[in-house]
Amino acid sequence: MGLFHCIVNPASRDYQCGKQWPKIRAAIEQRGHEVKEYITQHVGHASHLSNDIRTNWEENGIGGEAEGKPPVVVAVGGDGVAHEVASGIRGSTLVLAQIPFGSGNDYCITHNISRKNLDQVLDVLESGVNRHCGAWRLEGYACNEEKGYPAPSQNSWDGAPKNENKIVRWVFLESDAGITSAISRAKLRRAKWLKGPKKYTYLGVTTIPVWPRRKVRMQIDDEKPWDGDITMFTATTGETFGGGYKVNPGMFPIREKGMIVFAARLSRLAMLQLMGPVKKGKHVGKWGIYQKDAMNIQLWPLSKDGSKSEIPLEPPTFIQADGEPLLQLPASLEWHTKQLFVRGAPTISWASE
């Protein structure tokens, strides 16, 4: 039947993914499919592997799913490996599929793929619908190495930056700045024993009281720039991240326009109280939080005299790509439609919109 290129992150979910992978592979093969296995060795490896699969197909016609169909590349693990696999095949006819085995797996939530029922996951793998989804192009300054997590470098498949001092990443799930990016940066050092929403709840409660505020300048499309404190900024392709928190209600990956959620200066008490409403998607309109369409966003840090800076300032304002706080301001985000074919469930609420 079909050939599936499975790129596995064995470290996902505290190395449970690697331990369970042989059983998952056997389940795929029992359905009559061929599995080509790739085990990642380090951060960023999955992008190289998926890009090699792409090159083999585009240059040699090797590795297709069946009957001349483009390869299906399966990210086995969490949102991190899904991001890397997607990066390596973005802009091609190759298809991203997913077998969730991470902490959050929000990209699976977006595409209505079960995070618990393997039979349903494999049903989607076999007979799901391929949808041409959008992504955000993120360009900013690289962060330093953090607790063994390497500083990012420019990848050929992401395209050249417009500013030679910056690097480019493509965002297939979410990018955020402010307190949420600081919380995600903290996960590189702390709470590795927790999973899903519990991890982000703990990190939020322990980070918010000591987080130093950031002043930024933000320009959305051709609007007048805005200066002030930034507490929350989120650009997503779907509604949720952080293990199911409904951060950007109403956003979906085949939408013609991008959409952001933004909050200026929230009190620390409001930040703590925010987590409950965000989980249910009931935060927009509270405490000055707003949501709006956006195609291009520019973000700069402000110096003490209120002028915008074209280079990073201390303390840094992190901005992340699919849960990894790899970059910092100044940065820009651009919404691009039809960047990636994603295999999802046959029925998804937003797919009929």
Protein backbone atom coordinates (compact mmCIF):
# COMPACT_ATOMS: atom_id res chain seq x y z
CA MET A 1 0.00 0.00 0.00
CA GLY A 2 1.57 3.33 1.06
CA LEU A 3 5.12 4.31 1.95
CA PHE A 4 5.53 6.56 4.99
CA HIS A 5 8.76 8.35 5.84
CA CYS A 6 8.64 8.47 9.66
CA ILE A 7 10.96 10.96 11.36
CA VAL A 8 11.02 10.10 15.06
CA ASN A 9 12.16 12.26 17.95
CA PRO A 10 13.00 9.62 20.57
CA ALA A 11 13.39 12.29 23.29
CA SER A 12 9.76 13.44 23.06
CA ARG A 13 7.68 13.07 26.20
CA ASP A 14 10.73 12.28 28.37
CA TYR A 15 12.00 9.61 25.93
CA GLN A 16 8.72 7.70 25.98
CA CYS A 17 8.39 8.32 22.25
CA GLY A 18 11.55 6.37 21.49
CA LYS A 19 10.46 3.51 23.72
CA GLN A 20 6.99 3.27 22.17
CA TRP A 21 8.06 3.78 18.57
CA PRO A 22 8.63 0.05 17.76
CA LYS A 23 5.01 -0.68 18.71
CA ILE A 24 3.76 2.25 16.64
CA ARG A 25 5.81 1.13 13.65
CA ALA A 26 4.46 -2.41 13.97
CA ALA A 27 0.89 -1.03 14.02
CA ILE A 28 1.51 0.87 10.77
CA GLU A 29 3.06 -2.16 9.10
CA GLN A 30 0.19 -4.39 10.23
CA ARG A 31 -2.07 -2.17 8.12
CA GLY A 32 -0.02 -3.12 5.08
CA HIS A 33 2.15 -0.02 4.76
CA GLU A 34 5.89 0.34 4.30
CA VAL A 35 7.75 2.41 6.90
CA LYS A 36 11.06 4.12 6.29
CA GLU A 37 12.45 5.10 9.67
CA TYR A 38 14.62 8.09 10.58
CA ILE A 39 15.67 8.70 14.20
CA THR A 40 16.70 12.25 15.09
CA GLN A 41 20.02 12.74 16.83
CA HIS A 42 19.92 16.40 17.82
CA VAL A 43 17.92 19.62 17.67
CA GLY A 44 17.34 20.59 14.05
CA HIS A 45 18.11 17.13 12.65
CA ALA A 46 14.53 16.50 11.51
CA SER A 47 14.67 19.47 9.13
CA HIS A 48 17.76 18.07 7.44
CA LEU A 49 16.14 14.64 7.14
CA SER A 50 12.88 15.94 5.69
CA ASN A 51 14.73 18.23 3.29
CA ASP A 52 16.81 15.27 2.09
CA ILE A 53 13.57 13.35 1.41
CA ARG A 54 12.31 16.36 -0.52
CA THR A 55 15.49 16.60 -2.60
CA ASN A 56 15.37 12.89 -3.43
CA TRP A 57 11.82 13.28 -4.68
CA GLU A 58 12.24 16.51 -6.60
CA GLU A 59 15.54 15.58 -8.25
CA ASN A 60 15.23 11.80 -8.64
CA GLY A 61 11.52 10.96 -8.25
CA ILE A 62 12.38 8.61 -5.38
CA GLY A 63 10.35 8.04 -2.20
CA GLY A 64 6.80 8.86 -3.29
CA GLU A 65 3.82 7.62 -1.31
CA ALA A 66 2.42 5.49 -4.17
CA GLU A 67 1.70 5.72 -7.91
CA GLY A 68 3.69 8.87 -8.41
CA LYS A 69 2.20 10.68 -5.43
CA PRO A 70 4.57 12.92 -3.44
CA PRO A 71 6.10 11.50 -0.25
CA VAL A 72 4.24 11.64 3.04
CA VAL A 73 6.65 12.62 5.80
CA VAL A 74 5.40 11.71 9.26
CA ALA A 75 6.54 13.70 12.31
CA VAL A 76 6.53 11.31 15.27
CA GLY A 77 6.80 13.24 18.53
CA GLY A 78 5.69 16.70 19.60
CA ASP A 79 5.20 20.10 18.02
CA GLY A 80 8.97 20.60 17.90
CA VAL A 81 9.62 17.74 15.48
CA ALA A 82 6.49 18.68 13.49
CA HIS A 83 7.95 22.19 13.10
CA GLU A 84 11.30 20.84 11.93
CA VAL A 85 9.80 18.38 9.44
CA ALA A 86 7.48 21.09 8.10
CA SER A 87 10.41 23.49 7.69
CA GLY A 88 12.31 21.05 5.48
CA ILE A 89 9.40 20.46 3.08
CA ARG A 90 7.65 23.86 3.09
CA GLY A 91 6.92 25.15 -0.38
CA SER A 92 6.92 21.66 -1.94
CA THR A 93 4.25 19.10 -2.84
CA LEU A 94 5.34 16.79 -0.01
CA VAL A 95 2.80 16.13 2.74
CA LEU A 96 3.28 16.52 6.49
CA ALA A 97 1.52 13.88 8.59
CA GLN A 98 1.72 13.47 12.37
CA ILE A 99 1.77 10.82 15.05
CA PRO A 100 1.52 12.80 18.29
CA PHE A 101 3.83 11.86 21.12
CA GLY A 102 4.82 15.16 22.72
CA SER A 103 3.70 17.35 25.60
CA GLY A 104 1.28 19.66 23.81
CA ASN A 105 0.71 18.44 20.24
CA ASP A 106 -1.31 21.53 19.36
CA TYR A 107 -0.70 21.09 15.64
CA CYS A 108 -2.57 17.80 15.95
CA ILE A 109 -5.38 19.59 17.79
CA THR A 110 -5.58 22.06 14.90
CA HIS A 111 -5.92 19.25 12.38
CA ASN A 112 -8.32 17.18 14.49
CA ILE A 113 -5.87 14.33 15.06
CA SER A 114 -6.37 12.44 18.31
CA ARG A 115 -3.63 12.75 20.90
CA LYS A 116 -4.63 9.52 22.65
CA ASN A 117 -6.25 7.10 20.20
CA LEU A 118 -3.59 5.48 17.98
CA ASP A 119 -6.18 3.79 15.76
CA GLN A 120 -7.73 7.18 14.93
CA VAL A 121 -4.28 8.62 14.29
CA LEU A 122 -3.47 5.83 11.86
CA ASP A 123 -6.86 6.21 10.19
CA VAL A 124 -5.95 9.83 9.43
CA LEU A 125 -2.48 8.76 8.28
CA GLU A 126 -4.09 6.34 5.81
CA SER A 127 -7.08 8.26 4.56
CA GLY A 128 -6.95 11.81 5.88
CA VAL A 129 -7.37 14.94 3.77
CA ASN A 130 -4.38 16.96 2.57
CA ARG A 131 -4.94 20.69 3.05
CA HIS A 132 -2.74 23.50 1.76
CA CYS A 133 -1.99 25.53 4.88
CA GLY A 134 -0.47 28.90 5.58
CA ALA A 135 2.49 29.83 7.75
CA TRP A 136 4.14 32.89 9.27
CA ARG A 137 7.58 33.97 8.08
CA LEU A 138 9.52 35.10 11.15
CA GLU A 139 12.76 37.05 10.89
CA GLY A 140 14.72 38.19 13.92
CA TYR A 141 17.96 38.06 15.86
CA ALA A 142 19.24 34.72 17.16
CA CYS A 143 19.17 33.98 20.88
CA ASN A 144 22.21 32.65 22.68
CA GLU A 145 22.61 29.01 23.66
CA GLU A 146 20.53 28.08 26.70
CA LYS A 147 21.31 25.07 28.93
CA GLY A 148 22.66 23.03 26.04
CA TYR A 149 19.93 24.19 23.64
CA PRO A 150 21.91 25.54 20.69
CA ALA A 151 21.71 29.05 19.34
CA PRO A 152 19.87 28.94 16.00
CA SER A 153 21.57 29.40 12.66
CA GLN A 154 20.23 30.19 9.21
CA ASN A 155 18.88 27.25 7.19
CA SER A 156 18.93 27.21 3.39
CA TRP A 157 15.35 25.87 3.20
CA ASP A 158 13.99 28.83 5.16
CA GLY A 159 15.16 31.35 2.56
CA ALA A 160 17.57 34.23 2.98
CA PRO A 161 16.85 36.97 5.54
CA LYS A 162 16.18 40.51 4.37
CA ASN A 163 18.64 41.73 7.02
CA GLU A 164 21.97 39.88 6.94
CA ASN A 165 22.30 40.05 10.74
CA LYS A 166 19.01 38.22 11.30
CA ILE A 167 17.82 34.68 10.62
CA VAL A 168 14.54 33.29 9.27
CA ARG A 169 12.21 30.68 10.69
CA TRP A 170 8.78 29.62 9.42
CA VAL A 171 6.02 29.27 11.97
CA PHE A 172 3.45 26.53 11.39
CA LEU A 173 1.71 26.70 14.77
CA GLU A 174 2.43 29.86 16.76
CA SER A 175 4.81 32.70 17.42
CA ASP A 176 4.58 34.85 20.50
CA ALA A 177 6.42 37.51 22.45
CA GLY A 178 5.99 38.97 25.91
CA ILE A 179 5.29 36.92 29.01
CA THR A 180 4.35 33.80 27.01
CA SER A 181 7.71 33.71 25.23
CA ALA A 182 9.50 34.20 28.57
CA ILE A 183 7.56 31.24 29.94
CA SER A 184 8.57 29.11 26.96
CA ARG A 185 12.18 30.18 27.34
CA ALA A 186 12.00 29.06 30.96
CA LYS A 187 11.00 25.54 29.91
CA LEU A 188 14.53 25.06 28.55
CA ARG A 189 15.76 25.24 32.16
CA ARG A 190 12.87 24.19 34.39
CA ALA A 191 9.84 21.89 34.81
CA LYS A 192 11.07 19.22 32.43
CA TRP A 193 9.20 16.61 34.49
CA LEU A 194 5.80 18.18 33.77
CA LYS A 195 3.77 17.74 30.58
CA GLY A 196 1.13 19.64 28.59
CA PRO A 197 -0.94 22.37 30.28
CA LYS A 198 0.45 21.50 33.73
CA LYS A 199 3.95 22.45 32.58
CA TYR A 200 2.84 25.84 31.25
CA THR A 201 0.64 26.54 34.26
CA TYR A 202 3.55 25.90 36.65
CA LEU A 203 5.99 27.95 34.57
CA GLY A 204 3.46 30.77 34.30
CA VAL A 205 2.84 30.96 38.03
CA THR A 206 6.58 30.96 38.79
CA THR A 207 7.68 33.31 35.98
CA ILE A 208 5.05 36.06 36.06
CA PRO A 209 5.90 37.50 39.51
CA VAL A 210 9.55 38.16 38.58
CA TRP A 211 9.27 38.95 34.87
CA PRO A 212 10.75 42.39 33.95
CA ARG A 213 8.45 44.34 31.65
CA ARG A 214 9.40 45.15 28.07
CA LYS A 215 8.72 48.28 26.09
CA VAL A 216 8.34 47.84 22.34
CA ARG A 217 7.26 49.59 19.18
CA MET A 218 4.80 47.61 17.09
CA GLN A 219 3.58 48.37 13.59
CA ILE A 220 0.77 46.30 12.03
CA ASP A 221 0.55 46.51 8.23
CA ASP A 222 0.39 50.21 7.27
CA GLU A 223 -1.08 51.41 10.55
CA LYS A 224 0.50 54.04 12.79
CA PRO A 225 3.15 52.50 15.07
CA TRP A 226 2.25 51.86 18.71
CA ASP A 227 4.70 52.30 21.63
CA GLY A 228 4.32 50.78 25.08
CA ASP A 229 4.69 47.79 27.36
CA ILE A 230 4.08 44.42 25.77
CA THR A 231 2.55 41.76 27.97
CA MET A 232 1.14 39.42 25.36
CA PHE A 233 1.59 39.10 21.62
CA THR A 234 0.57 36.01 19.67
CA ALA A 235 0.41 35.15 15.98
CA THR A 236 -0.87 31.65 15.23
CA THR A 237 -2.07 29.40 12.41
CA GLY A 238 -4.72 27.72 14.59
CA GLU A 239 -6.61 28.43 17.78
CA THR A 240 -4.51 26.69 20.43
CA PHE A 241 -1.02 26.24 21.77
CA GLY A 242 0.56 25.33 25.10
CA GLY A 243 -1.28 22.00 25.19
CA GLY A 244 -4.79 23.15 24.31
CA TYR A 245 -4.95 26.77 25.51
CA LYS A 246 -7.34 28.54 23.09
CA VAL A 247 -5.16 31.60 22.62
CA ASN A 248 -6.35 32.83 19.21
CA PRO A 249 -10.01 31.78 18.86
CA GLY A 250 -11.26 31.66 15.30
CA MET A 251 -7.87 31.40 13.60
CA PHE A 252 -7.30 28.48 11.22
CA PRO A 253 -4.48 27.54 8.81
CA ILE A 254 -6.27 28.01 5.48
CA ARG A 255 -7.43 31.52 6.38
CA GLU A 256 -6.56 34.18 3.78
CA LYS A 257 -5.48 36.67 6.46
CA GLY A 258 -3.37 36.15 9.55
CA MET A 259 -4.73 37.05 12.96
CA ILE A 260 -3.03 38.18 16.16
CA VAL A 261 -3.93 38.60 19.82
CA PHE A 262 -2.26 41.44 21.71
CA ALA A 263 -2.29 42.92 25.20
CA ALA A 264 -0.38 45.96 26.41
CA ARG A 265 0.33 46.54 30.10
CA LEU A 266 -1.48 43.93 32.15
CA SER A 267 -1.04 43.84 35.92
CA ARG A 268 0.71 40.78 37.30
CA LEU A 269 -2.54 39.77 38.97
CA ALA A 270 -4.30 39.98 35.60
CA MET A 271 -1.54 37.85 34.05
CA LEU A 272 -2.16 35.15 36.63
CA GLN A 273 -5.93 35.41 36.27
CA LEU A 274 -5.59 35.24 32.50
CA MET A 275 -4.67 31.58 32.34
CA GLY A 276 -8.18 30.30 33.08
CA PRO A 277 -9.94 32.41 30.41
CA VAL A 278 -7.19 31.65 27.87
CA LYS A 279 -7.72 27.92 28.34
CA LYS A 280 -11.34 28.38 27.19
CA GLY A 281 -10.72 31.15 24.66
CA LYS A 282 -12.65 33.69 26.77
CA HIS A 283 -9.87 36.26 27.24
CA VAL A 284 -10.33 38.46 24.15
CA GLY A 285 -11.93 41.72 25.25
CA LYS A 286 -10.80 41.39 28.89
CA TRP A 287 -8.24 43.77 30.43
CA GLY A 288 -7.52 45.46 27.08
CA ILE A 289 -6.74 42.27 25.16
CA TYR A 290 -7.68 42.59 21.51
CA GLN A 291 -7.66 40.42 18.39
CA LYS A 292 -7.32 41.62 14.80
CA ASP A 293 -6.35 40.62 11.28
CA ALA A 294 -2.72 41.24 10.36
CA MET A 295 -0.53 40.37 7.41
CA ASN A 296 2.72 42.06 8.45
CA ILE A 297 3.93 42.91 11.96
CA GLN A 298 7.14 44.73 12.86
CA LEU A 299 8.41 44.67 16.45
CA TRP A 300 11.31 46.68 17.89
CA PRO A 301 12.58 46.98 21.48
CA LEU A 302 12.57 50.50 22.88
CA SER A 303 15.55 52.01 24.66
CA LYS A 304 15.21 53.88 27.94
CA ASP A 305 14.77 57.17 26.07
CA GLY A 306 11.85 55.71 24.10
CA SER A 307 13.61 55.38 20.75
CA LYS A 308 13.34 52.15 18.76
CA SER A 309 16.41 49.97 18.57
CA GLU A 310 17.54 48.12 15.45
CA ILE A 311 19.56 45.71 17.58
CA PRO A 312 18.58 43.56 20.60
CA LEU A 313 18.52 45.18 24.05
CA GLU A 314 18.88 43.76 27.55
CA PRO A 315 16.86 42.17 28.93
CA PRO A 316 15.98 40.47 25.62
CA THR A 317 12.42 40.21 24.39
CA PHE A 318 12.11 36.66 23.11
CA ILE A 319 9.91 35.72 20.17
CA GLN A 320 9.36 32.09 19.46
CA ALA A 321 8.71 29.77 16.56
CA ASP A 322 6.37 26.87 17.31
CA GLY A 323 7.15 26.73 21.00
CA GLU A 324 10.90 27.28 20.70
CA PRO A 325 12.07 30.73 21.88
CA LEU A 326 14.91 30.89 19.36
CA LEU A 327 14.80 34.53 18.35
CA GLN A 328 14.58 37.99 19.90
CA LEU A 329 13.48 41.47 18.90
CA PRO A 330 13.81 43.35 16.61
CA ALA A 331 11.76 40.95 14.52
CA SER A 332 9.08 40.79 11.85
CA LEU A 333 6.25 38.42 10.98
CA GLU A 334 4.54 38.01 7.61
CA TRP A 335 1.52 35.79 6.89
CA HIS A 336 1.84 33.60 3.78
CA THR A 337 -0.92 31.33 2.50
CA LYS A 338 -0.45 27.87 0.91
CA GLN A 339 2.97 27.03 2.29
CA LEU A 340 2.54 23.41 3.39
CA PHE A 341 0.35 20.41 2.64
CA VAL A 342 -0.85 18.90 5.93
CA ARG A 343 -2.75 15.63 6.29
CA GLY A 344 -5.57 16.03 8.81
CA ALA A 345 -8.84 14.43 9.76
CA PRO A 346 -11.48 14.23 7.01
CA THR A 347 -13.78 16.45 9.05
CA ILE A 348 -12.58 19.66 10.73
CA SER A 349 -14.85 22.52 11.78
CA TRP A 350 -12.76 25.24 10.11
CA ALA A 351 -12.19 23.29 6.87
CA SER A 352 -15.69 24.11 5.65
CA GLU A 353 -15.36 27.85 6.29
